[in-house]
Amino acid sequence: MSPEWTLTGGLGYEYEFDGKAKGTLYHMYSIDSPSLKGGSGIGEIGLEYKPQNNQRLSLEAKLAGYVGQREGVSGLVRLNYAF
């Protein structure tokens, strides 16, 4: 985009073959185990700003969406200053 602005993006796919969690409470009571078996698609887009007059400062914003077994949206905003 420009020397100060960077646009990023990504696509991914993950597949869980047989992911199960098991647990007990006080070694007596069984906890229901969720199954995560299946596939999920992931798409991500991000924008990063690094001013040329201050290389120690950066600002980053990302948005990711999930479809399939995992569904939802997540976001990130990060302001970073390196000493």
C-alpha atoms as a PDB file:
ATOM      1  CA  MET A   1       0.000   0.000   0.000  1.00  0.00           C
ATOM      2  CA  SER A   2       2.700   2.477   1.082  1.00  0.00           C
ATOM      3  CA  PRO A   3       5.962   2.418   3.059  1.00  0.00           C
ATOM      4  CA  GLU A   4       4.023   2.994   6.315  1.00  0.00           C
ATOM      5  CA  TRP A   5       0.990   0.737   5.718  1.00  0.00           C
ATOM      6  CA  THR A   6       1.008  -3.038   5.148  1.00  0.00           C
ATOM      7  CA  LEU A   7      -2.012  -5.145   4.234  1.00  0.00           C
ATOM      8  CA  THR A   8      -1.872  -8.860   5.117  1.00  0.00           C
ATOM      9  CA  GLY A   9      -4.218 -11.758   4.535  1.00  0.00           C
ATOM     10  CA  GLY A  10      -4.338 -15.481   4.887  1.00  0.00           C
ATOM     11  CA  LEU A  11      -6.411 -18.592   4.353  1.00  0.00           C
ATOM     12  CA  GLY A  12      -6.171 -21.867   6.207  1.00  0.00           C
ATOM     13  CA  TYR A  13      -7.830 -25.189   6.794  1.00  0.00           C
ATOM     14  CA  GLU A  14      -7.544 -27.442   9.819  1.00  0.00           C
ATOM     15  CA  TYR A  15      -8.939 -30.894  10.441  1.00  0.00           C
ATOM     16  CA  GLU A  16      -9.256 -32.628  13.794  1.00  0.00           C
ATOM     17  CA  PHE A  17      -9.259 -36.401  13.313  1.00  0.00           C
ATOM     18  CA  ASP A  18     -10.456 -37.543  16.724  1.00  0.00           C
ATOM     19  CA  GLY A  19      -9.963 -34.845  19.340  1.00  0.00           C
ATOM     20  CA  LYS A  20     -11.642 -35.739  22.594  1.00  0.00           C
ATOM     21  CA  ALA A  21     -11.149 -34.370  26.061  1.00  0.00           C
ATOM     22  CA  LYS A  22     -11.744 -36.460  29.148  1.00  0.00           C
ATOM     23  CA  GLY A  23     -12.033 -35.384  32.726  1.00  0.00           C
ATOM     24  CA  THR A  24     -13.234 -36.295  36.172  1.00  0.00           C
ATOM     25  CA  LEU A  25     -14.202 -34.320  39.227  1.00  0.00           C
ATOM     26  CA  TYR A  26     -12.689 -35.531  42.494  1.00  0.00           C
ATOM     27  CA  HIS A  27     -11.815 -38.815  40.730  1.00  0.00           C
ATOM     28  CA  MET A  28     -15.485 -39.812  41.141  1.00  0.00           C
ATOM     29  CA  TYR A  29     -17.660 -37.921  38.695  1.00  0.00           C
ATOM     30  CA  SER A  30     -17.155 -38.161  34.962  1.00  0.00           C
ATOM     31  CA  ILE A  31     -17.300 -34.958  32.889  1.00  0.00           C
ATOM     32  CA  ASP A  32     -18.933 -35.145  29.451  1.00  0.00           C
ATOM     33  CA  SER A  33     -16.270 -35.031  26.748  1.00  0.00           C
ATOM     34  CA  PRO A  34     -16.816 -32.703  23.784  1.00  0.00           C
ATOM     35  CA  SER A  35     -15.779 -33.933  20.361  1.00  0.00           C
ATOM     36  CA  LEU A  36     -13.988 -31.547  18.013  1.00  0.00           C
ATOM     37  CA  LYS A  37     -13.857 -33.997  15.115  1.00  0.00           C
ATOM     38  CA  GLY A  38     -14.182 -32.275  11.732  1.00  0.00           C
ATOM     39  CA  GLY A  39     -12.756 -29.525   9.569  1.00  0.00           C
ATOM     40  CA  SER A  40     -12.697 -25.737   9.816  1.00  0.00           C
ATOM     41  CA  GLY A  41     -11.831 -23.036   7.302  1.00  0.00           C
ATOM     42  CA  ILE A  42     -10.074 -19.865   8.452  1.00  0.00           C
ATOM     43  CA  GLY A  43      -9.779 -16.507   6.681  1.00  0.00           C
ATOM     44  CA  GLU A  44      -7.797 -13.562   8.035  1.00  0.00           C
ATOM     45  CA  ILE A  45      -7.163  -9.987   6.979  1.00  0.00           C
ATOM     46  CA  GLY A  46      -4.951  -7.465   8.741  1.00  0.00           C
ATOM     47  CA  LEU A  47      -3.538  -3.964   8.523  1.00  0.00           C
ATOM     48  CA  GLU A  48      -0.283  -2.739  10.062  1.00  0.00           C
ATOM     49  CA  TYR A  49       0.976   0.833  10.431  1.00  0.00           C
ATOM     50  CA  LYS A  50       4.650   1.712  11.100  1.00  0.00           C
ATOM     51  CA  PRO A  51       5.436   5.421  10.842  1.00  0.00           C
ATOM     52  CA  GLN A  52       8.689   6.176   9.013  1.00  0.00           C
ATOM     53  CA  ASN A  53       9.730   8.864  11.484  1.00  0.00           C
ATOM     54  CA  ASN A  54       9.336   6.508  14.512  1.00  0.00           C
ATOM     55  CA  GLN A  55      10.353   2.894  13.795  1.00  0.00           C
ATOM     56  CA  ARG A  56       9.772   1.936  17.439  1.00  0.00           C
ATOM     57  CA  LEU A  57       6.012   2.420  17.142  1.00  0.00           C
ATOM     58  CA  SER A  58       3.585   0.118  15.333  1.00  0.00           C
ATOM     59  CA  LEU A  59      -0.163  -0.411  15.237  1.00  0.00           C
ATOM     60  CA  GLU A  60      -1.762  -3.652  14.079  1.00  0.00           C
ATOM     61  CA  ALA A  61      -5.397  -4.665  13.514  1.00  0.00           C
ATOM     62  CA  LYS A  62      -6.566  -8.122  12.404  1.00  0.00           C
ATOM     63  CA  LEU A  63      -9.909  -9.818  11.803  1.00  0.00           C
ATOM     64  CA  ALA A  64     -10.360 -13.592  11.400  1.00  0.00           C
ATOM     65  CA  GLY A  65     -13.427 -15.642  10.545  1.00  0.00           C
ATOM     66  CA  TYR A  66     -14.005 -19.366  11.091  1.00  0.00           C
ATOM     67  CA  VAL A  67     -16.451 -21.682   9.279  1.00  0.00           C
ATOM     68  CA  GLY A  68     -17.125 -25.401   9.644  1.00  0.00           C
ATOM     69  CA  GLN A  69     -16.628 -27.234  12.932  1.00  0.00           C
ATOM     70  CA  ARG A  70     -15.424 -24.019  14.569  1.00  0.00           C
ATOM     71  CA  GLU A  71     -17.594 -21.029  13.714  1.00  0.00           C
ATOM     72  CA  GLY A  72     -17.126 -17.439  14.722  1.00  0.00           C
ATOM     73  CA  VAL A  73     -15.111 -14.266  14.382  1.00  0.00           C
ATOM     74  CA  SER A  74     -12.101 -12.999  16.311  1.00  0.00           C
ATOM     75  CA  GLY A  75     -10.288  -9.697  16.245  1.00  0.00           C
ATOM     76  CA  LEU A  76      -7.039  -8.169  17.428  1.00  0.00           C
ATOM     77  CA  VAL A  77      -5.872  -4.595  17.927  1.00  0.00           C
ATOM     78  CA  ARG A  78      -2.298  -4.125  19.132  1.00  0.00           C
ATOM     79  CA  LEU A  79      -0.279  -0.988  19.808  1.00  0.00           C
ATOM     80  CA  ASN A  80       3.438  -1.735  20.217  1.00  0.00           C
ATOM     81  CA  TYR A  81       6.294   0.528  21.304  1.00  0.00           C
ATOM     82  CA  ALA A  82       9.793  -0.995  21.481  1.00  0.00           C
ATOM     83  CA  PHE A  83      12.303   0.500  23.904  1.00  0.00           C
END
